[in-house]
Amino acid sequence: MIKAKDMNRAQITHTFCNWCKYRRCVLGYDYWECGLEEAKKEKECLYRQAVRREEGQ
């Protein structure tokens, strides 16, 4: 199983951003862009939460 911190951008968006209500489509790209404000990303971003959990183990 690949760790979240080792994923590339396409893997991150497929695994985490597809389920996020803050995702935004980027025309011409195969990944999502985050619609969260920078101040809220640390608390609400599913990817960042997963990385923190992995680092805590």
N, C-alpha and C. Protein backbone atom coordinates (compact mmCIF):
# COMPACT_ATOMS: atom_id res chain seq x y z
N MET A 1 0.85 -1.18 0.00
CA MET A 1 0.00 0.00 0.00
C MET A 1 0.89 1.24 0.00
N ILE A 2 0.59 2.17 -0.87
CA ILE A 2 1.37 3.40 -0.98
C ILE A 2 0.94 4.39 0.09
N LYS A 3 1.91 5.07 0.67
CA LYS A 3 1.61 6.06 1.70
C LYS A 3 1.17 7.36 1.04
N ALA A 4 0.33 8.11 1.72
CA ALA A 4 -0.21 9.36 1.18
C ALA A 4 0.90 10.34 0.83
N LYS A 5 1.92 10.44 1.67
CA LYS A 5 2.98 11.42 1.41
C LYS A 5 3.84 11.05 0.20
N ASP A 6 3.77 9.79 -0.26
CA ASP A 6 4.55 9.35 -1.42
C ASP A 6 3.76 9.38 -2.72
N MET A 7 2.50 9.80 -2.67
CA MET A 7 1.64 9.81 -3.87
C MET A 7 1.98 10.98 -4.78
N ASN A 8 1.76 10.79 -6.08
CA ASN A 8 1.89 11.91 -7.01
C ASN A 8 0.55 12.64 -7.06
N ARG A 9 0.50 13.74 -7.80
CA ARG A 9 -0.70 14.58 -7.81
C ARG A 9 -1.93 13.85 -8.32
N ALA A 10 -1.78 13.04 -9.36
CA ALA A 10 -2.92 12.30 -9.91
C ALA A 10 -3.45 11.29 -8.90
N GLN A 11 -2.57 10.63 -8.18
CA GLN A 11 -3.00 9.66 -7.16
C GLN A 11 -3.70 10.36 -6.00
N ILE A 12 -3.20 11.52 -5.62
CA ILE A 12 -3.82 12.28 -4.52
C ILE A 12 -5.23 12.70 -4.90
N THR A 13 -5.39 13.26 -6.09
CA THR A 13 -6.72 13.73 -6.48
C THR A 13 -7.70 12.58 -6.65
N HIS A 14 -7.22 11.45 -7.16
CA HIS A 14 -8.10 10.30 -7.32
C HIS A 14 -8.52 9.74 -5.97
N THR A 15 -7.59 9.67 -5.04
CA THR A 15 -7.86 9.05 -3.74
C THR A 15 -8.61 9.98 -2.79
N PHE A 16 -8.24 11.24 -2.75
CA PHE A 16 -8.80 12.15 -1.75
C PHE A 16 -9.75 13.19 -2.34
N CYS A 17 -9.37 13.84 -3.39
CA CYS A 17 -10.14 14.99 -3.91
C CYS A 17 -11.44 14.59 -4.59
N ASN A 18 -11.53 13.39 -5.12
CA ASN A 18 -12.78 12.96 -5.74
C ASN A 18 -13.94 12.97 -4.74
N TRP A 19 -13.64 12.83 -3.46
CA TRP A 19 -14.67 12.76 -2.43
C TRP A 19 -14.85 14.09 -1.71
N CYS A 20 -14.04 15.07 -2.04
CA CYS A 20 -14.05 16.35 -1.32
C CYS A 20 -15.08 17.31 -1.93
N LYS A 21 -15.81 17.99 -1.09
CA LYS A 21 -16.81 18.94 -1.58
C LYS A 21 -16.19 20.27 -2.00
N TYR A 22 -14.90 20.48 -1.76
CA TYR A 22 -14.22 21.72 -2.12
C TYR A 22 -13.44 21.61 -3.43
N ARG A 23 -13.54 20.49 -4.12
CA ARG A 23 -12.76 20.30 -5.35
C ARG A 23 -13.26 21.21 -6.47
N ARG A 24 -12.32 21.57 -7.36
CA ARG A 24 -12.64 22.39 -8.52
C ARG A 24 -12.01 21.75 -9.74
N CYS A 25 -12.71 21.77 -10.83
CA CYS A 25 -12.20 21.21 -12.08
C CYS A 25 -11.21 22.18 -12.71
N VAL A 26 -10.12 21.63 -13.22
CA VAL A 26 -9.12 22.43 -13.92
C VAL A 26 -9.14 21.99 -15.38
N LEU A 27 -9.55 22.86 -16.26
CA LEU A 27 -9.65 22.51 -17.67
C LEU A 27 -8.29 22.16 -18.25
N GLY A 28 -8.24 21.06 -18.98
CA GLY A 28 -7.01 20.64 -19.62
C GLY A 28 -6.12 19.77 -18.76
N TYR A 29 -6.53 19.51 -17.53
CA TYR A 29 -5.73 18.68 -16.62
C TYR A 29 -6.56 17.50 -16.13
N ASP A 30 -5.89 16.46 -15.68
CA ASP A 30 -6.59 15.27 -15.19
C ASP A 30 -6.65 15.23 -13.67
N TYR A 31 -6.58 16.39 -13.03
CA TYR A 31 -6.65 16.43 -11.58
C TYR A 31 -7.54 17.58 -11.13
N TRP A 32 -7.92 17.54 -9.86
CA TRP A 32 -8.75 18.58 -9.28
C TRP A 32 -7.87 19.64 -8.65
N GLU A 33 -8.42 20.83 -8.51
CA GLU A 33 -7.75 21.88 -7.77
C GLU A 33 -8.54 22.11 -6.49
N CYS A 34 -7.87 22.50 -5.45
CA CYS A 34 -8.52 22.68 -4.16
C CYS A 34 -9.20 24.05 -4.09
N GLY A 35 -10.43 24.05 -3.60
CA GLY A 35 -11.18 25.28 -3.45
C GLY A 35 -11.18 25.80 -2.02
N LEU A 36 -10.45 25.12 -1.15
CA LEU A 36 -10.38 25.55 0.25
C LEU A 36 -9.48 26.77 0.39
N GLU A 37 -9.83 27.63 1.32
CA GLU A 37 -8.96 28.75 1.65
C GLU A 37 -7.71 28.18 2.32
N GLU A 38 -6.60 28.85 2.13
CA GLU A 38 -5.33 28.36 2.66
C GLU A 38 -5.39 28.14 4.18
N ALA A 39 -6.09 29.01 4.88
CA ALA A 39 -6.19 28.89 6.34
C ALA A 39 -6.95 27.63 6.78
N LYS A 40 -7.87 27.15 5.95
CA LYS A 40 -8.68 25.99 6.31
C LYS A 40 -8.08 24.66 5.85
N LYS A 41 -7.12 24.72 4.93
CA LYS A 41 -6.58 23.49 4.35
C LYS A 41 -5.99 22.55 5.40
N GLU A 42 -5.24 23.08 6.33
CA GLU A 42 -4.59 22.23 7.32
C GLU A 42 -5.60 21.45 8.16
N LYS A 43 -6.74 22.05 8.42
CA LYS A 43 -7.75 21.41 9.26
C LYS A 43 -8.69 20.49 8.47
N GLU A 44 -9.11 20.90 7.26
CA GLU A 44 -10.17 20.20 6.55
C GLU A 44 -9.73 19.34 5.37
N CYS A 45 -8.51 19.49 4.89
CA CYS A 45 -8.05 18.74 3.72
C CYS A 45 -7.84 17.26 4.08
N LEU A 46 -8.54 16.38 3.36
CA LEU A 46 -8.45 14.95 3.64
C LEU A 46 -7.04 14.40 3.41
N TYR A 47 -6.36 14.91 2.40
CA TYR A 47 -4.98 14.47 2.12
C TYR A 47 -4.05 14.87 3.27
N ARG A 48 -4.13 16.09 3.70
CA ARG A 48 -3.26 16.54 4.80
C ARG A 48 -3.56 15.80 6.09
N GLN A 49 -4.83 15.46 6.33
CA GLN A 49 -5.18 14.67 7.51
C GLN A 49 -4.53 13.29 7.44
N ALA A 50 -4.55 12.68 6.26
CA ALA A 50 -3.95 11.36 6.08
C ALA A 50 -2.45 11.39 6.29
N VAL A 51 -1.79 12.42 5.80
CA VAL A 51 -0.34 12.55 6.00
C VAL A 51 -0.03 12.73 7.47
N ARG A 52 -0.81 13.54 8.17
CA ARG A 52 -0.59 13.72 9.62
C ARG A 52 -0.77 12.40 10.38
N ARG A 53 -1.79 11.61 9.99
CA ARG A 53 -2.00 10.32 10.64
C ARG A 53 -0.81 9.40 10.42
N GLU A 54 -0.28 9.38 9.18
CA GLU A 54 0.86 8.53 8.88
C GLU A 54 2.10 8.96 9.66
N GLU A 55 2.31 10.24 9.79
CA GLU A 55 3.47 10.75 10.53
C GLU A 55 3.35 10.47 12.02
N GLY A 56 2.12 10.41 12.51
CA GLY A 56 1.88 10.15 13.93
C GLY A 56 2.08 8.70 14.32
N GLN A 57 2.13 7.80 13.36
CA GLN A 57 2.27 6.37 13.65
C GLN A 57 3.69 5.99 13.89
